[in-house]
Amino acid sequence: MIPFVRRGDGIHLGLATGERALLTSLVDQLREVLDGDLDSDPVTLRMFPDAYPGDRQASSEFRRYTRDDLRSAKSTNAETVHAWLTGARDGALTPADEQSWLRCLTDLRLTIADRLGIVDAATEETSRSGVDGVGLRDVYDWLGYVQEHLVTTMTARR
């Protein structure tokens, strides 16, 4: 099914019921990560990377001043997407909703990339080989499709 549909009043969700359920589950898991101890999950290094990789002290200081705001923004994005997926919100997405979707999809892909060991183009290609059936790699690719489709829908001529 087509993830997003442009109508006269804006962009609407076009996800099938099963796709909504899968995405809702993934967003719930992301919310758990964001609500948990960020220092205990390695995926948080992907979502909250060091600002100064060569300087632990400067990175720590930067993190001290920015992490709570970044965490709050990521949580808000996930809550917005969750509301759309569960029907708490409907109609056309606002421009702010569109940005929340893009950012949340990015966080989901970063999370899955970390679990798959994808750190660059070479490891992304390596993770593709030897995968049988529908698995985490397929979900990662599907999320990329959903994200690309949203960008295409947002930028299409009205």
Protein backbone atom coordinates (compact mmCIF):
# COMPACT_ATOMS: atom_id res chain seq x y z
CA MET A 1 0.00 0.00 0.00
CA ILE A 2 1.08 3.59 -0.52
CA PRO A 3 2.25 5.05 2.81
CA PHE A 4 1.12 8.64 2.15
CA VAL A 5 -1.47 10.16 -0.17
CA ARG A 6 -1.71 13.80 -1.21
CA ARG A 7 -5.25 15.12 -1.37
CA GLY A 8 -6.58 18.62 -1.84
CA ASP A 9 -6.20 19.48 1.85
CA GLY A 10 -2.73 17.96 2.30
CA ILE A 11 -0.96 14.68 3.01
CA HIS A 12 -2.89 11.78 4.56
CA LEU A 13 -1.77 8.38 5.84
CA GLY A 14 -2.31 5.55 3.39
CA LEU A 15 -0.76 2.73 5.44
CA ALA A 16 -2.55 -0.62 5.59
CA THR A 17 -3.67 -1.97 8.96
CA GLY A 18 -0.73 -4.40 9.21
CA GLU A 19 1.75 -1.68 8.31
CA ARG A 20 0.27 0.60 10.96
CA ALA A 21 0.53 -2.19 13.53
CA LEU A 22 4.19 -2.86 12.69
CA LEU A 23 5.07 0.82 12.77
CA THR A 24 3.14 1.33 16.02
CA SER A 25 5.15 -1.48 17.61
CA LEU A 26 8.42 0.02 16.40
CA VAL A 27 7.47 3.48 17.69
CA ASP A 28 6.49 1.96 21.06
CA GLN A 29 9.92 0.32 21.26
CA LEU A 30 11.61 3.60 20.35
CA ARG A 31 9.65 5.37 23.08
CA GLU A 32 10.86 2.75 25.58
CA VAL A 33 14.47 3.41 24.57
CA LEU A 34 13.96 7.17 24.91
CA ASP A 35 12.21 6.80 28.27
CA GLY A 36 14.92 4.48 29.61
CA ASP A 37 18.50 4.91 30.72
CA LEU A 38 20.20 6.35 27.66
CA ASP A 39 23.62 5.35 28.94
CA SER A 40 22.72 1.65 29.02
CA ASP A 41 21.66 1.21 25.39
CA PRO A 42 24.33 1.43 22.65
CA VAL A 43 21.74 2.67 20.15
CA THR A 44 21.72 6.00 21.95
CA LEU A 45 25.25 6.64 20.68
CA ARG A 46 23.71 6.67 17.19
CA MET A 47 20.85 8.95 18.16
CA PHE A 48 22.97 11.17 20.41
CA PRO A 49 26.47 11.07 18.86
CA ASP A 50 29.50 12.75 20.36
CA ALA A 51 29.73 16.37 19.27
CA TYR A 52 33.50 16.29 19.68
CA PRO A 53 34.67 12.73 18.97
CA GLY A 54 38.29 13.47 19.84
CA ASP A 55 37.51 15.28 23.08
CA ARG A 56 35.62 13.28 25.74
CA GLN A 57 35.39 16.22 28.13
CA ALA A 58 33.95 18.61 25.53
CA SER A 59 31.52 15.91 24.34
CA SER A 60 30.39 15.27 27.88
CA GLU A 61 29.84 18.98 28.46
CA PHE A 62 27.92 19.34 25.20
CA ARG A 63 25.78 16.29 26.08
CA ARG A 64 25.04 17.74 29.50
CA TYR A 65 23.54 20.86 27.93
CA THR A 66 21.73 19.29 24.96
CA ARG A 67 20.70 15.70 25.69
CA ASP A 68 17.51 16.48 27.62
CA ASP A 69 16.23 18.82 24.91
CA LEU A 70 17.12 16.33 22.16
CA ARG A 71 15.49 13.49 24.09
CA SER A 72 12.36 15.58 24.59
CA ALA A 73 12.18 16.47 20.90
CA LYS A 74 12.66 12.83 19.85
CA SER A 75 9.98 11.72 22.33
CA THR A 76 7.58 14.36 21.04
CA ASN A 77 8.18 13.22 17.46
CA ALA A 78 7.50 9.61 18.44
CA GLU A 79 4.33 10.61 20.32
CA THR A 80 3.09 12.55 17.28
CA VAL A 81 3.66 9.59 14.95
CA HIS A 82 2.05 7.24 17.48
CA ALA A 83 -1.05 9.45 17.62
CA TRP A 84 -1.38 9.30 13.83
CA LEU A 85 -0.86 5.54 13.72
CA THR A 86 -3.42 4.79 16.42
CA GLY A 87 -6.10 7.11 15.07
CA ALA A 88 -5.86 9.68 17.86
CA ARG A 89 -5.12 12.17 15.05
CA ASP A 90 -6.58 12.11 11.58
CA GLY A 91 -7.08 14.28 8.52
CA ALA A 92 -4.17 15.98 6.81
CA LEU A 93 -0.72 16.12 8.36
CA THR A 94 0.45 19.60 9.30
CA PRO A 95 3.95 20.70 8.24
CA ALA A 96 5.07 20.09 11.86
CA ASP A 97 3.59 16.56 11.70
CA GLU A 98 5.46 15.88 8.47
CA GLN A 99 8.73 16.87 10.16
CA SER A 100 7.91 14.69 13.18
CA TRP A 101 7.33 11.75 10.84
CA LEU A 102 10.63 12.31 9.02
CA ARG A 103 12.60 12.63 12.26
CA CYS A 104 10.93 9.64 13.91
CA LEU A 105 11.52 7.45 10.85
CA THR A 106 15.19 8.52 10.95
CA ASP A 107 15.44 7.53 14.63
CA LEU A 108 13.80 4.17 13.88
CA ARG A 109 16.22 3.50 11.03
CA LEU A 110 19.21 4.51 13.19
CA THR A 111 18.01 2.14 15.90
CA ILE A 112 17.64 -0.77 13.51
CA ALA A 113 20.92 0.05 11.74
CA ASP A 114 22.65 -0.18 15.10
CA ARG A 115 21.06 -3.56 15.80
CA LEU A 116 22.13 -4.80 12.34
CA GLY A 117 25.66 -3.43 12.69
CA ILE A 118 25.26 -0.97 9.82
CA VAL A 119 27.67 1.93 10.19
CA ASP A 120 28.41 2.88 6.56
CA ALA A 121 27.65 1.91 2.96
CA ALA A 122 29.97 -1.12 3.09
CA THR A 123 28.40 -2.60 6.22
CA GLU A 124 24.95 -1.79 4.87
CA GLU A 125 25.68 -3.92 1.80
CA THR A 126 27.19 -6.69 3.94
CA SER A 127 24.10 -6.79 6.15
CA ARG A 128 22.00 -7.42 3.06
CA SER A 129 23.70 -10.69 2.16
CA GLY A 130 22.73 -13.90 3.87
CA VAL A 131 19.35 -12.62 5.09
CA ASP A 132 16.53 -15.07 4.50
CA GLY A 133 12.81 -14.43 4.86
CA VAL A 134 11.31 -11.31 6.37
CA GLY A 135 13.46 -9.95 9.13
CA LEU A 136 14.91 -6.85 10.67
CA ARG A 137 16.78 -5.99 7.47
CA ASP A 138 13.48 -6.01 5.56
CA VAL A 139 11.96 -3.68 8.15
CA TYR A 140 14.96 -1.35 7.82
CA ASP A 141 14.54 -1.24 4.04
CA TRP A 142 10.75 -0.74 4.33
CA LEU A 143 11.23 2.19 6.71
CA GLY A 144 13.56 3.74 4.14
CA TYR A 145 10.84 3.33 1.53
CA VAL A 146 8.23 4.93 3.82
CA GLN A 147 10.56 7.84 4.55
CA GLU A 148 11.43 8.32 0.87
CA HIS A 149 7.75 8.18 -0.07
CA LEU A 150 6.92 10.89 2.47
CA VAL A 151 9.66 13.15 1.11
CA THR A 152 8.47 12.53 -2.46
CA THR A 153 4.86 13.23 -1.47
CA MET A 154 5.86 16.39 0.38
CA THR A 155 7.84 17.74 -2.57
CA ALA A 156 5.44 16.70 -5.35
CA ARG A 157 3.70 19.48 -7.23
CA ARG A 158 0.34 20.27 -5.77
